[in-house]
Amino acid sequence: MIIRPYEQTDTAQLVSIWRAASEQAHSFFAKEQLDHNEQLVRDIYLPKAENWVLSVENDPVGFIGLIDHFIGGLFVDPMRQGHGYGRALVDHAAQLKGRLELEVYSRNQSAVGFYQRLGFVEISRRPTDDHGLPFELIKMQRDG
């Protein structure tokens, strides 16, 4: 297992990981919403964020996107979850940034629990997401 910086050649595989993980974790989104968000991931989030890729035997299995100390996204291939890859990516981000913040959909209880197990605590909530959709977001923080 290695964690390395994102390269443009990773884009197709990371978008595929994002889509599979999002379909599982964000089943409350309509297909059109996932399609729109997939385009944002490909065209904006991957090129503009500080992304780190976790690879096993040169095969990307997950990634984390950082904007300063904010985790913009953490995604692991659903077929590879449960092996500590998400934890390793968060630990890597913490080594780089110290204090970390993120937002997670309250409906995504497995992610909320995951972040709580890693020491994140809720600091606020908001009733809508960045697109104005009625999906509550929980803001969480972990001190370095």
C-alpha atoms as a PDB file:
ATOM      1  CA  MET A   1       0.000   0.000   0.000  1.00  0.00           C
ATOM      2  CA  ILE A   2       1.328   3.422  -0.941  1.00  0.00           C
ATOM      3  CA  ILE A   3      -0.172   6.889  -0.789  1.00  0.00           C
ATOM      4  CA  ARG A   4       1.002   9.204  -3.527  1.00  0.00           C
ATOM      5  CA  PRO A   5      -0.033  12.487  -5.138  1.00  0.00           C
ATOM      6  CA  TYR A   6      -2.806  12.423  -7.736  1.00  0.00           C
ATOM      7  CA  GLU A   7      -1.724  12.326 -11.373  1.00  0.00           C
ATOM      8  CA  GLN A   8      -3.933  13.300 -14.303  1.00  0.00           C
ATOM      9  CA  THR A   9      -3.679   9.725 -15.606  1.00  0.00           C
ATOM     10  CA  ASP A  10      -5.586   8.616 -12.456  1.00  0.00           C
ATOM     11  CA  THR A  11      -8.707  10.537 -13.436  1.00  0.00           C
ATOM     12  CA  ALA A  12     -10.779   7.801 -15.092  1.00  0.00           C
ATOM     13  CA  GLN A  13     -10.116   5.263 -12.342  1.00  0.00           C
ATOM     14  CA  LEU A  14     -10.751   7.731  -9.518  1.00  0.00           C
ATOM     15  CA  VAL A  15     -13.997   8.910 -11.107  1.00  0.00           C
ATOM     16  CA  SER A  16     -15.039   5.251 -11.346  1.00  0.00           C
ATOM     17  CA  ILE A  17     -14.223   4.749  -7.641  1.00  0.00           C
ATOM     18  CA  TRP A  18     -16.117   7.945  -6.798  1.00  0.00           C
ATOM     19  CA  ARG A  19     -19.187   6.780  -8.728  1.00  0.00           C
ATOM     20  CA  ALA A  20     -19.287   3.292  -7.213  1.00  0.00           C
ATOM     21  CA  ALA A  21     -18.780   4.614  -3.678  1.00  0.00           C
ATOM     22  CA  SER A  22     -21.312   7.422  -4.170  1.00  0.00           C
ATOM     23  CA  GLU A  23     -23.986   5.086  -5.520  1.00  0.00           C
ATOM     24  CA  GLN A  24     -23.558   2.978  -2.398  1.00  0.00           C
ATOM     25  CA  ALA A  25     -23.234   5.753   0.206  1.00  0.00           C
ATOM     26  CA  HIS A  26     -25.518   8.364  -1.364  1.00  0.00           C
ATOM     27  CA  SER A  27     -28.418   6.248  -2.555  1.00  0.00           C
ATOM     28  CA  PHE A  28     -30.735   9.183  -1.757  1.00  0.00           C
ATOM     29  CA  PHE A  29     -29.407  11.029  -4.831  1.00  0.00           C
ATOM     30  CA  ALA A  30     -31.198  10.670  -8.148  1.00  0.00           C
ATOM     31  CA  LYS A  31     -29.166   9.384 -11.102  1.00  0.00           C
ATOM     32  CA  GLU A  32     -29.185  12.888 -12.643  1.00  0.00           C
ATOM     33  CA  GLN A  33     -27.690  14.350  -9.478  1.00  0.00           C
ATOM     34  CA  LEU A  34     -24.946  11.716  -9.454  1.00  0.00           C
ATOM     35  CA  ASP A  35     -24.272  12.369 -13.148  1.00  0.00           C
ATOM     36  CA  HIS A  36     -23.920  16.104 -12.461  1.00  0.00           C
ATOM     37  CA  ASN A  37     -21.656  15.533  -9.457  1.00  0.00           C
ATOM     38  CA  GLU A  38     -19.530  13.080 -11.444  1.00  0.00           C
ATOM     39  CA  GLN A  39     -18.832  15.814 -13.979  1.00  0.00           C
ATOM     40  CA  LEU A  40     -17.831  18.170 -11.145  1.00  0.00           C
ATOM     41  CA  VAL A  41     -15.470  15.551  -9.716  1.00  0.00           C
ATOM     42  CA  ARG A  42     -13.830  14.989 -13.110  1.00  0.00           C
ATOM     43  CA  ASP A  43     -13.641  18.590 -14.281  1.00  0.00           C
ATOM     44  CA  ILE A  44     -13.200  20.627 -11.090  1.00  0.00           C
ATOM     45  CA  TYR A  45     -12.528  18.695  -7.882  1.00  0.00           C
ATOM     46  CA  LEU A  46      -9.794  16.353  -9.079  1.00  0.00           C
ATOM     47  CA  PRO A  47      -7.829  19.001 -11.008  1.00  0.00           C
ATOM     48  CA  LYS A  48      -8.148  21.735  -8.357  1.00  0.00           C
ATOM     49  CA  ALA A  49      -7.951  20.006  -4.962  1.00  0.00           C
ATOM     50  CA  GLU A  50      -4.885  18.510  -3.308  1.00  0.00           C
ATOM     51  CA  ASN A  51      -5.594  14.837  -3.952  1.00  0.00           C
ATOM     52  CA  TRP A  52      -3.804  11.800  -2.564  1.00  0.00           C
ATOM     53  CA  VAL A  53      -4.251   8.343  -4.054  1.00  0.00           C
ATOM     54  CA  LEU A  54      -3.933   5.091  -2.136  1.00  0.00           C
ATOM     55  CA  SER A  55      -2.666   2.293  -4.383  1.00  0.00           C
ATOM     56  CA  VAL A  56      -2.267  -1.405  -3.758  1.00  0.00           C
ATOM     57  CA  GLU A  57       0.119  -3.089  -6.189  1.00  0.00           C
ATOM     58  CA  ASN A  58      -0.033   0.032  -8.419  1.00  0.00           C
ATOM     59  CA  ASP A  59      -3.836  -0.148  -8.539  1.00  0.00           C
ATOM     60  CA  PRO A  60      -5.657   2.922  -7.115  1.00  0.00           C
ATOM     61  CA  VAL A  61      -8.255   1.787  -4.590  1.00  0.00           C
ATOM     62  CA  GLY A  62      -9.126   5.099  -2.934  1.00  0.00           C
ATOM     63  CA  PHE A  63      -8.389   8.792  -2.675  1.00  0.00           C
ATOM     64  CA  ILE A  64      -8.783  11.824  -0.460  1.00  0.00           C
ATOM     65  CA  GLY A  65      -9.216  15.395  -1.679  1.00  0.00           C
ATOM     66  CA  LEU A  66      -8.020  18.252   0.512  1.00  0.00           C
ATOM     67  CA  ILE A  67      -8.660  21.970   0.373  1.00  0.00           C
ATOM     68  CA  ASP A  68      -6.280  23.299   3.016  1.00  0.00           C
ATOM     69  CA  HIS A  69      -7.344  21.393   6.159  1.00  0.00           C
ATOM     70  CA  PHE A  70     -10.824  20.529   4.801  1.00  0.00           C
ATOM     71  CA  ILE A  71     -11.502  17.036   3.473  1.00  0.00           C
ATOM     72  CA  GLY A  72     -13.513  17.688   0.316  1.00  0.00           C
ATOM     73  CA  GLY A  73     -13.955  13.979  -0.320  1.00  0.00           C
ATOM     74  CA  LEU A  74     -12.805  10.555   0.779  1.00  0.00           C
ATOM     75  CA  PHE A  75     -13.694   7.602  -1.415  1.00  0.00           C
ATOM     76  CA  VAL A  76     -12.607   3.972  -1.364  1.00  0.00           C
ATOM     77  CA  ASP A  77     -13.675   1.360  -3.904  1.00  0.00           C
ATOM     78  CA  PRO A  78     -16.654  -0.404  -2.259  1.00  0.00           C
ATOM     79  CA  MET A  79     -15.108  -3.782  -3.103  1.00  0.00           C
ATOM     80  CA  ARG A  80     -11.980  -2.774  -1.122  1.00  0.00           C
ATOM     81  CA  GLN A  81     -13.598  -1.144   1.913  1.00  0.00           C
ATOM     82  CA  GLY A  82     -12.973  -2.516   5.382  1.00  0.00           C
ATOM     83  CA  HIS A  83      -9.215  -2.949   4.961  1.00  0.00           C
ATOM     84  CA  GLY A  84      -8.081   0.271   6.648  1.00  0.00           C
ATOM     85  CA  TYR A  85      -7.558   2.255   3.430  1.00  0.00           C
ATOM     86  CA  GLY A  86      -9.900   5.092   4.434  1.00  0.00           C
ATOM     87  CA  ARG A  87      -8.230   5.336   7.827  1.00  0.00           C
ATOM     88  CA  ALA A  88      -4.787   5.388   6.168  1.00  0.00           C
ATOM     89  CA  LEU A  89      -5.859   8.263   3.897  1.00  0.00           C
ATOM     90  CA  VAL A  90      -7.246  10.272   6.830  1.00  0.00           C
ATOM     91  CA  ASP A  91      -4.077   9.616   8.855  1.00  0.00           C
ATOM     92  CA  HIS A  92      -2.004  10.795   5.891  1.00  0.00           C
ATOM     93  CA  ALA A  93      -4.066  13.991   5.648  1.00  0.00           C
ATOM     94  CA  ALA A  94      -3.678  14.565   9.402  1.00  0.00           C
ATOM     95  CA  GLN A  95       0.097  14.204   9.133  1.00  0.00           C
ATOM     96  CA  LEU A  96       0.085  16.841   6.394  1.00  0.00           C
ATOM     97  CA  LYS A  97      -2.449  19.281   7.832  1.00  0.00           C
ATOM     98  CA  GLY A  98      -2.923  18.621  11.546  1.00  0.00           C
ATOM     99  CA  ARG A  99      -6.485  19.706  12.292  1.00  0.00           C
ATOM    100  CA  LEU A 100      -9.033  18.365   9.808  1.00  0.00           C
ATOM    101  CA  GLU A 101     -12.614  19.353   9.000  1.00  0.00           C
ATOM    102  CA  LEU A 102     -15.222  17.820   6.726  1.00  0.00           C
ATOM    103  CA  GLU A 103     -18.911  17.697   5.964  1.00  0.00           C
ATOM    104  CA  VAL A 104     -20.813  14.433   5.701  1.00  0.00           C
ATOM    105  CA  TYR A 105     -24.430  13.728   4.814  1.00  0.00           C
ATOM    106  CA  SER A 106     -26.358  12.794   7.963  1.00  0.00           C
ATOM    107  CA  ARG A 107     -28.121  10.068   5.954  1.00  0.00           C
ATOM    108  CA  ASN A 108     -24.740   8.407   5.329  1.00  0.00           C
ATOM    109  CA  GLN A 109     -24.640   6.774   8.761  1.00  0.00           C
ATOM    110  CA  SER A 110     -21.759   4.445   7.929  1.00  0.00           C
ATOM    111  CA  ALA A 111     -19.565   7.457   7.051  1.00  0.00           C
ATOM    112  CA  VAL A 112     -20.693   9.369  10.142  1.00  0.00           C
ATOM    113  CA  GLY A 113     -19.739   6.369  12.293  1.00  0.00           C
ATOM    114  CA  PHE A 114     -16.438   5.948  10.459  1.00  0.00           C
ATOM    115  CA  TYR A 115     -15.438   9.553  11.125  1.00  0.00           C
ATOM    116  CA  GLN A 116     -16.555   9.329  14.766  1.00  0.00           C
ATOM    117  CA  ARG A 117     -14.360   6.239  15.241  1.00  0.00           C
ATOM    118  CA  LEU A 118     -11.440   8.276  13.874  1.00  0.00           C
ATOM    119  CA  GLY A 119     -11.982  10.980  16.498  1.00  0.00           C
ATOM    120  CA  PHE A 120     -14.043  13.508  14.549  1.00  0.00           C
ATOM    121  CA  VAL A 121     -16.709  15.372  16.505  1.00  0.00           C
ATOM    122  CA  GLU A 122     -19.758  17.217  15.240  1.00  0.00           C
ATOM    123  CA  ILE A 123     -19.449  20.986  15.362  1.00  0.00           C
ATOM    124  CA  SER A 124     -22.548  22.046  13.393  1.00  0.00           C
ATOM    125  CA  ARG A 125     -25.282  21.017  10.959  1.00  0.00           C
ATOM    126  CA  ARG A 126     -27.011  22.629   8.020  1.00  0.00           C
ATOM    127  CA  PRO A 127     -30.296  21.530   6.433  1.00  0.00           C
ATOM    128  CA  THR A 128     -29.258  21.706   2.769  1.00  0.00           C
ATOM    129  CA  ASP A 129     -26.223  20.723   0.733  1.00  0.00           C
ATOM    130  CA  ASP A 130     -24.107  22.919  -1.545  1.00  0.00           C
ATOM    131  CA  HIS A 131     -26.680  22.572  -4.330  1.00  0.00           C
ATOM    132  CA  GLY A 132     -29.582  23.656  -2.114  1.00  0.00           C
ATOM    133  CA  LEU A 133     -30.974  20.121  -1.917  1.00  0.00           C
ATOM    134  CA  PRO A 134     -32.721  19.095   1.323  1.00  0.00           C
ATOM    135  CA  PHE A 135     -29.980  16.730   2.447  1.00  0.00           C
ATOM    136  CA  GLU A 136     -28.666  17.617   5.902  1.00  0.00           C
ATOM    137  CA  LEU A 137     -24.909  17.976   6.275  1.00  0.00           C
ATOM    138  CA  ILE A 138     -22.948  17.476   9.483  1.00  0.00           C
ATOM    139  CA  LYS A 139     -19.746  19.477   9.878  1.00  0.00           C
ATOM    140  CA  MET A 140     -17.126  17.529  11.821  1.00  0.00           C
ATOM    141  CA  GLN A 141     -13.646  18.352  13.093  1.00  0.00           C
ATOM    142  CA  ARG A 142     -10.643  16.480  14.452  1.00  0.00           C
ATOM    143  CA  ASP A 143      -7.757  18.253  16.109  1.00  0.00           C
ATOM    144  CA  GLY A 144      -4.282  17.352  14.930  1.00  0.00           C
END
